[in-house]
Amino acid sequence: MTRIVSRVFGLALLGTLAAGAASAQAPDPTGFSQPLNQAMATMESKLNLTAEQKPKAEAIMQDAVSQRLVVLSQYGVKRGQRPPFSTLLAIRSKMNAIASETHAKMAHVLTPAQMQIYATQSEQSSEQIKSMLLGQ
């Protein structure tokens, strides 16, 4: 289960990094926009984006955050409430698809060295979200 949760929510945090502006405009029934925004800010600072990369990477991450928050909301996942395993299974493929799409888009914007940082940070963010989701 830990692995599924990690994969499901792993890159969610990264994508959520750009969610700051969107979450400030719309209510967040999931409670995950703030931690995702924090993760996005961390990712952005660690990637050391160029002026050309920054708007592109932010747009990609914002889109991913928005998509993830929609999925979480559709399945009624809320921060501080551990969802049933069946719910985690139900959203896994959607979250994995979002993560794969985001990774592919970021690969067109980032350098290979930055992609390594992106992958590492994604895993760390995944662990943080997993802990929040499982109430640990």
N, C-alpha and C. Protein backbone atom coordinates (compact mmCIF):
# COMPACT_ATOMS: atom_id res chain seq x y z
N MET A 1 0.82 -1.18 0.00
CA MET A 1 0.00 0.00 0.00
C MET A 1 0.87 1.25 0.00
N THR A 2 1.96 1.22 0.74
CA THR A 2 2.86 2.36 0.80
C THR A 2 3.37 2.71 -0.59
N ARG A 3 3.71 1.71 -1.37
CA ARG A 3 4.22 1.94 -2.70
C ARG A 3 3.16 2.56 -3.60
N ILE A 4 1.93 2.09 -3.49
CA ILE A 4 0.85 2.64 -4.29
C ILE A 4 0.62 4.09 -3.92
N VAL A 5 0.56 4.36 -2.63
CA VAL A 5 0.34 5.74 -2.17
C VAL A 5 1.48 6.62 -2.65
N SER A 6 2.69 6.12 -2.56
CA SER A 6 3.85 6.87 -3.00
C SER A 6 3.76 7.20 -4.47
N ARG A 7 3.41 6.23 -5.30
CA ARG A 7 3.31 6.45 -6.74
C ARG A 7 2.15 7.37 -7.07
N VAL A 8 1.04 7.17 -6.37
CA VAL A 8 -0.15 7.96 -6.66
C VAL A 8 0.08 9.42 -6.34
N PHE A 9 0.69 9.67 -5.21
CA PHE A 9 0.82 11.05 -4.76
C PHE A 9 2.23 11.60 -4.92
N GLY A 10 3.13 10.77 -5.42
CA GLY A 10 4.52 11.16 -5.53
C GLY A 10 4.74 12.44 -6.28
N LEU A 11 4.38 12.46 -7.52
CA LEU A 11 4.62 13.64 -8.31
C LEU A 11 3.51 14.66 -8.13
N ALA A 12 2.52 14.29 -7.39
CA ALA A 12 1.44 15.23 -7.13
C ALA A 12 1.97 16.48 -6.46
N LEU A 13 2.87 16.28 -5.55
CA LEU A 13 3.43 17.43 -4.86
C LEU A 13 4.18 18.33 -5.81
N LEU A 14 4.93 17.75 -6.69
CA LEU A 14 5.70 18.56 -7.63
C LEU A 14 4.78 19.38 -8.50
N GLY A 15 3.79 18.73 -9.01
CA GLY A 15 2.84 19.43 -9.84
C GLY A 15 2.13 20.51 -9.08
N THR A 16 1.95 20.30 -7.82
CA THR A 16 1.21 21.24 -7.01
C THR A 16 2.02 22.46 -6.67
N LEU A 17 3.27 22.41 -6.91
CA LEU A 17 4.12 23.55 -6.60
C LEU A 17 3.59 24.82 -7.25
N ALA A 18 3.04 24.72 -8.42
CA ALA A 18 2.54 25.90 -9.13
C ALA A 18 1.12 26.24 -8.76
N ALA A 19 0.54 25.52 -7.87
CA ALA A 19 -0.88 25.70 -7.57
C ALA A 19 -1.18 26.92 -6.72
N GLY A 20 -0.19 27.63 -6.27
CA GLY A 20 -0.42 28.76 -5.40
C GLY A 20 -1.43 29.75 -5.92
N ALA A 21 -1.25 30.19 -7.14
CA ALA A 21 -2.16 31.18 -7.69
C ALA A 21 -3.56 30.61 -7.87
N ALA A 22 -3.66 29.41 -8.37
CA ALA A 22 -4.97 28.81 -8.61
C ALA A 22 -5.71 28.53 -7.32
N SER A 23 -4.99 28.04 -6.31
CA SER A 23 -5.66 27.71 -5.06
C SER A 23 -6.10 28.96 -4.31
N ALA A 24 -5.42 30.06 -4.54
CA ALA A 24 -5.81 31.30 -3.89
C ALA A 24 -7.13 31.81 -4.47
N GLN A 25 -7.43 31.44 -5.71
CA GLN A 25 -8.62 31.90 -6.38
C GLN A 25 -9.82 30.97 -6.14
N ALA A 26 -9.59 29.70 -5.94
CA ALA A 26 -10.68 28.74 -5.80
C ALA A 26 -10.53 28.00 -4.48
N PRO A 27 -11.66 27.65 -3.86
CA PRO A 27 -11.58 26.88 -2.62
C PRO A 27 -10.99 25.50 -2.88
N ASP A 28 -10.32 24.97 -1.89
CA ASP A 28 -9.68 23.66 -2.02
C ASP A 28 -10.36 22.68 -1.06
N PRO A 29 -11.29 21.88 -1.56
CA PRO A 29 -11.99 20.94 -0.69
C PRO A 29 -11.11 19.79 -0.20
N THR A 30 -9.96 19.58 -0.84
CA THR A 30 -9.09 18.47 -0.46
C THR A 30 -8.14 18.82 0.67
N GLY A 31 -7.76 20.08 0.79
CA GLY A 31 -6.79 20.49 1.80
C GLY A 31 -5.34 20.23 1.38
N PHE A 32 -5.14 19.81 0.14
CA PHE A 32 -3.79 19.49 -0.32
C PHE A 32 -3.13 20.62 -1.10
N SER A 33 -3.81 21.71 -1.38
CA SER A 33 -3.20 22.75 -2.20
C SER A 33 -2.02 23.43 -1.50
N GLN A 34 -2.12 23.68 -0.20
CA GLN A 34 -1.02 24.34 0.49
C GLN A 34 0.25 23.49 0.49
N PRO A 35 0.19 22.21 0.90
CA PRO A 35 1.43 21.43 0.85
C PRO A 35 1.96 21.24 -0.56
N LEU A 36 1.06 21.17 -1.52
CA LEU A 36 1.51 21.03 -2.90
C LEU A 36 2.18 22.31 -3.38
N ASN A 37 1.65 23.44 -2.98
CA ASN A 37 2.26 24.72 -3.33
C ASN A 37 3.65 24.85 -2.72
N GLN A 38 3.78 24.41 -1.48
CA GLN A 38 5.08 24.46 -0.82
C GLN A 38 6.08 23.55 -1.55
N ALA A 39 5.61 22.40 -1.96
CA ALA A 39 6.49 21.48 -2.69
C ALA A 39 6.91 22.08 -4.02
N MET A 40 5.99 22.77 -4.68
CA MET A 40 6.32 23.39 -5.95
C MET A 40 7.38 24.48 -5.76
N ALA A 41 7.24 25.26 -4.73
CA ALA A 41 8.22 26.31 -4.46
C ALA A 41 9.59 25.70 -4.19
N THR A 42 9.62 24.62 -3.44
CA THR A 42 10.87 23.93 -3.16
C THR A 42 11.49 23.40 -4.45
N MET A 43 10.65 22.79 -5.27
CA MET A 43 11.12 22.24 -6.54
C MET A 43 11.71 23.34 -7.41
N GLU A 44 10.99 24.43 -7.49
CA GLU A 44 11.43 25.54 -8.32
C GLU A 44 12.79 26.06 -7.87
N SER A 45 12.98 26.20 -6.57
CA SER A 45 14.25 26.72 -6.08
C SER A 45 15.39 25.73 -6.31
N LYS A 46 15.11 24.46 -6.18
CA LYS A 46 16.17 23.45 -6.37
C LYS A 46 16.54 23.27 -7.83
N LEU A 47 15.61 23.51 -8.73
CA LEU A 47 15.89 23.34 -10.15
C LEU A 47 16.74 24.46 -10.72
N ASN A 48 16.77 25.60 -10.04
CA ASN A 48 17.54 26.74 -10.52
C ASN A 48 17.19 27.05 -11.99
N LEU A 49 15.92 27.30 -12.22
CA LEU A 49 15.41 27.53 -13.56
C LEU A 49 15.94 28.82 -14.16
N THR A 50 16.16 28.79 -15.47
CA THR A 50 16.55 30.00 -16.19
C THR A 50 15.30 30.84 -16.41
N ALA A 51 15.50 32.07 -16.85
CA ALA A 51 14.37 32.96 -17.13
C ALA A 51 13.49 32.37 -18.23
N GLU A 52 14.08 31.66 -19.16
CA GLU A 52 13.31 31.04 -20.25
C GLU A 52 12.55 29.81 -19.75
N GLN A 53 13.15 29.04 -18.86
CA GLN A 53 12.53 27.81 -18.36
C GLN A 53 11.39 28.08 -17.37
N LYS A 54 11.54 29.11 -16.57
CA LYS A 54 10.63 29.33 -15.44
C LYS A 54 9.15 29.38 -15.83
N PRO A 55 8.74 30.21 -16.79
CA PRO A 55 7.31 30.25 -17.10
C PRO A 55 6.79 28.93 -17.68
N LYS A 56 7.63 28.25 -18.44
CA LYS A 56 7.22 26.97 -19.03
C LYS A 56 7.04 25.91 -17.94
N ALA A 57 8.03 25.82 -17.05
CA ALA A 57 7.97 24.82 -15.98
C ALA A 57 6.81 25.11 -15.03
N GLU A 58 6.61 26.38 -14.70
CA GLU A 58 5.51 26.75 -13.81
C GLU A 58 4.16 26.39 -14.42
N ALA A 59 4.00 26.62 -15.71
CA ALA A 59 2.73 26.29 -16.38
C ALA A 59 2.48 24.79 -16.36
N ILE A 60 3.51 24.01 -16.60
CA ILE A 60 3.39 22.55 -16.59
C ILE A 60 3.01 22.07 -15.19
N MET A 61 3.72 22.57 -14.19
CA MET A 61 3.45 22.14 -12.82
C MET A 61 2.07 22.60 -12.35
N GLN A 62 1.68 23.81 -12.73
CA GLN A 62 0.36 24.32 -12.35
C GLN A 62 -0.74 23.44 -12.93
N ASP A 63 -0.58 23.06 -14.17
CA ASP A 63 -1.56 22.19 -14.82
C ASP A 63 -1.65 20.85 -14.10
N ALA A 64 -0.51 20.29 -13.75
CA ALA A 64 -0.48 19.01 -13.05
C ALA A 64 -1.14 19.11 -11.68
N VAL A 65 -0.88 20.18 -10.97
CA VAL A 65 -1.48 20.40 -9.65
C VAL A 65 -3.00 20.49 -9.80
N SER A 66 -3.44 21.26 -10.74
CA SER A 66 -4.88 21.43 -10.96
C SER A 66 -5.54 20.09 -11.27
N GLN A 67 -4.92 19.31 -12.14
CA GLN A 67 -5.46 18.00 -12.50
C GLN A 67 -5.52 17.09 -11.28
N ARG A 68 -4.48 17.09 -10.48
CA ARG A 68 -4.44 16.23 -9.30
C ARG A 68 -5.48 16.63 -8.27
N LEU A 69 -5.63 17.93 -8.06
CA LEU A 69 -6.63 18.39 -7.11
C LEU A 69 -8.04 18.01 -7.56
N VAL A 70 -8.27 18.04 -8.87
CA VAL A 70 -9.57 17.63 -9.39
C VAL A 70 -9.81 16.15 -9.10
N VAL A 71 -8.81 15.32 -9.34
CA VAL A 71 -8.95 13.88 -9.08
C VAL A 71 -9.21 13.64 -7.59
N LEU A 72 -8.43 14.26 -6.74
CA LEU A 72 -8.62 14.09 -5.30
C LEU A 72 -10.02 14.53 -4.87
N SER A 73 -10.47 15.63 -5.43
CA SER A 73 -11.80 16.13 -5.10
C SER A 73 -12.90 15.19 -5.60
N GLN A 74 -12.73 14.68 -6.82
CA GLN A 74 -13.73 13.76 -7.39
C GLN A 74 -13.92 12.52 -6.52
N TYR A 75 -12.84 12.07 -5.91
CA TYR A 75 -12.92 10.86 -5.08
C TYR A 75 -13.11 11.18 -3.59
N GLY A 76 -13.29 12.45 -3.28
CA GLY A 76 -13.56 12.84 -1.90
C GLY A 76 -12.39 12.69 -0.95
N VAL A 77 -11.17 12.72 -1.49
CA VAL A 77 -9.98 12.60 -0.65
C VAL A 77 -9.73 13.95 0.01
N LYS A 78 -9.58 13.92 1.33
CA LYS A 78 -9.34 15.14 2.09
C LYS A 78 -8.14 14.95 3.01
N ARG A 79 -7.38 16.00 3.14
CA ARG A 79 -6.22 15.98 4.02
C ARG A 79 -6.69 15.72 5.45
N GLY A 80 -5.99 14.82 6.14
CA GLY A 80 -6.33 14.49 7.51
C GLY A 80 -7.32 13.35 7.63
N GLN A 81 -7.83 12.87 6.50
CA GLN A 81 -8.76 11.74 6.50
C GLN A 81 -8.16 10.64 5.64
N ARG A 82 -7.85 9.54 6.25
CA ARG A 82 -7.24 8.45 5.51
C ARG A 82 -8.29 7.80 4.59
N PRO A 83 -8.04 7.85 3.27
CA PRO A 83 -9.01 7.25 2.35
C PRO A 83 -8.93 5.73 2.38
N PRO A 84 -10.01 5.06 2.02
CA PRO A 84 -9.97 3.60 1.95
C PRO A 84 -9.01 3.14 0.84
N PHE A 85 -8.51 1.96 1.02
CA PHE A 85 -7.58 1.39 0.04
C PHE A 85 -8.22 1.34 -1.34
N SER A 86 -9.49 1.04 -1.40
CA SER A 86 -10.19 0.97 -2.69
C SER A 86 -10.16 2.32 -3.41
N THR A 87 -10.21 3.39 -2.66
CA THR A 87 -10.14 4.73 -3.26
C THR A 87 -8.74 4.97 -3.82
N LEU A 88 -7.73 4.57 -3.07
CA LEU A 88 -6.36 4.71 -3.55
C LEU A 88 -6.15 3.95 -4.85
N LEU A 89 -6.71 2.75 -4.90
CA LEU A 89 -6.60 1.96 -6.13
C LEU A 89 -7.33 2.63 -7.29
N ALA A 90 -8.47 3.22 -6.99
CA ALA A 90 -9.28 3.84 -8.04
C ALA A 90 -8.59 5.05 -8.67
N ILE A 91 -7.87 5.81 -7.87
CA ILE A 91 -7.23 7.02 -8.41
C ILE A 91 -5.80 6.78 -8.90
N ARG A 92 -5.26 5.62 -8.61
CA ARG A 92 -3.86 5.34 -8.96
C ARG A 92 -3.56 5.56 -10.43
N SER A 93 -4.37 5.01 -11.31
CA SER A 93 -4.05 5.13 -12.74
C SER A 93 -4.16 6.57 -13.21
N LYS A 94 -5.11 7.31 -12.67
CA LYS A 94 -5.25 8.72 -13.06
C LYS A 94 -4.04 9.53 -12.59
N MET A 95 -3.62 9.30 -11.37
CA MET A 95 -2.46 10.03 -10.84
C MET A 95 -1.18 9.64 -11.59
N ASN A 96 -1.04 8.35 -11.89
CA ASN A 96 0.13 7.90 -12.63
C ASN A 96 0.17 8.52 -14.03
N ALA A 97 -1.00 8.63 -14.67
CA ALA A 97 -1.06 9.24 -15.99
C ALA A 97 -0.66 10.72 -15.93
N ILE A 98 -1.15 11.41 -14.92
CA ILE A 98 -0.78 12.82 -14.74
C ILE A 98 0.72 12.94 -14.51
N ALA A 99 1.27 12.07 -13.67
CA ALA A 99 2.71 12.11 -13.38
C ALA A 99 3.53 11.84 -14.63
N SER A 100 3.13 10.85 -15.41
CA SER A 100 3.86 10.52 -16.64
C SER A 100 3.82 11.66 -17.65
N GLU A 101 2.65 12.24 -17.80
CA GLU A 101 2.49 13.37 -18.73
C GLU A 101 3.33 14.56 -18.27
N THR A 102 3.31 14.83 -16.98
CA THR A 102 4.08 15.95 -16.43
C THR A 102 5.58 15.72 -16.63
N HIS A 103 6.02 14.50 -16.34
CA HIS A 103 7.44 14.16 -16.51
C HIS A 103 7.87 14.37 -17.97
N ALA A 104 7.05 13.89 -18.90
CA ALA A 104 7.39 14.03 -20.32
C ALA A 104 7.46 15.50 -20.73
N LYS A 105 6.52 16.30 -20.26
CA LYS A 105 6.54 17.73 -20.58
C LYS A 105 7.75 18.42 -19.98
N MET A 106 8.06 18.07 -18.72
CA MET A 106 9.21 18.69 -18.07
C MET A 106 10.52 18.32 -18.76
N ALA A 107 10.58 17.12 -19.32
CA ALA A 107 11.79 16.68 -20.02
C ALA A 107 12.09 17.56 -21.23
N HIS A 108 11.08 18.21 -21.78
CA HIS A 108 11.28 19.12 -22.91
C HIS A 108 11.75 20.50 -22.47
N VAL A 109 11.65 20.77 -21.18
CA VAL A 109 11.99 22.10 -20.65
C VAL A 109 13.30 22.06 -19.87
N LEU A 110 13.52 21.00 -19.12
CA LEU A 110 14.67 20.92 -18.22
C LEU A 110 15.87 20.24 -18.87
N THR A 111 17.04 20.54 -18.33
CA THR A 111 18.26 19.85 -18.76
C THR A 111 18.29 18.47 -18.11
N PRO A 112 19.14 17.57 -18.60
CA PRO A 112 19.23 16.25 -17.96
C PRO A 112 19.59 16.34 -16.47
N ALA A 113 20.46 17.25 -16.10
CA ALA A 113 20.82 17.41 -14.68
C ALA A 113 19.61 17.90 -13.88
N GLN A 114 18.86 18.81 -14.43
CA GLN A 114 17.66 19.29 -13.76
C GLN A 114 16.61 18.18 -13.65
N MET A 115 16.53 17.33 -14.66
CA MET A 115 15.56 16.22 -14.61
C MET A 115 15.91 15.26 -13.48
N GLN A 116 17.18 15.07 -13.19
CA GLN A 116 17.57 14.22 -12.06
C GLN A 116 17.09 14.85 -10.75
N ILE A 117 17.27 16.15 -10.63
CA ILE A 117 16.80 16.87 -9.44
C ILE A 117 15.28 16.76 -9.35
N TYR A 118 14.61 16.93 -10.47
CA TYR A 118 13.16 16.84 -10.54
C TYR A 118 12.70 15.47 -10.04
N ALA A 119 13.34 14.41 -10.50
CA ALA A 119 12.96 13.05 -10.09
C ALA A 119 13.18 12.84 -8.60
N THR A 120 14.31 13.29 -8.09
CA THR A 120 14.61 13.15 -6.67
C THR A 120 13.62 13.93 -5.82
N GLN A 121 13.36 15.17 -6.21
CA GLN A 121 12.43 16.00 -5.46
C GLN A 121 11.02 15.43 -5.53
N SER A 122 10.66 14.87 -6.65
CA SER A 122 9.34 14.25 -6.80
C SER A 122 9.16 13.12 -5.79
N GLU A 123 10.18 12.33 -5.64
CA GLU A 123 10.12 11.21 -4.68
C GLU A 123 9.99 11.73 -3.25
N GLN A 124 10.75 12.75 -2.91
CA GLN A 124 10.66 13.33 -1.57
C GLN A 124 9.27 13.92 -1.32
N SER A 125 8.75 14.60 -2.30
CA SER A 125 7.41 15.18 -2.19
C SER A 125 6.37 14.08 -2.03
N SER A 126 6.57 13.00 -2.74
CA SER A 126 5.66 11.86 -2.65
C SER A 126 5.61 11.32 -1.24
N GLU A 127 6.74 11.21 -0.62
CA GLU A 127 6.80 10.71 0.75
C GLU A 127 6.08 11.65 1.72
N GLN A 128 6.22 12.94 1.52
CA GLN A 128 5.54 13.90 2.38
C GLN A 128 4.03 13.80 2.24
N ILE A 129 3.56 13.70 1.01
CA ILE A 129 2.12 13.59 0.78
C ILE A 129 1.60 12.27 1.32
N LYS A 130 2.37 11.21 1.13
CA LYS A 130 1.96 9.90 1.65
C LYS A 130 1.78 9.96 3.16
N SER A 131 2.70 10.60 3.84
CA SER A 131 2.60 10.73 5.28
C SER A 131 1.34 11.50 5.68
N MET A 132 1.05 12.57 4.95
CA MET A 132 -0.16 13.34 5.25
C MET A 132 -1.41 12.51 4.98
N LEU A 133 -1.38 11.78 3.90
CA LEU A 133 -2.55 10.99 3.50
C LEU A 133 -2.82 9.86 4.49
N LEU A 134 -1.76 9.25 4.97
CA LEU A 134 -1.91 8.12 5.89
C LEU A 134 -1.96 8.56 7.34
N GLY A 135 -1.85 9.85 7.59
CA GLY A 135 -1.94 10.36 8.96
C GLY A 135 -0.75 10.01 9.81
N GLN A 136 0.42 9.96 9.21
CA GLN A 136 1.64 9.60 9.95
C GLN A 136 2.43 10.83 10.30
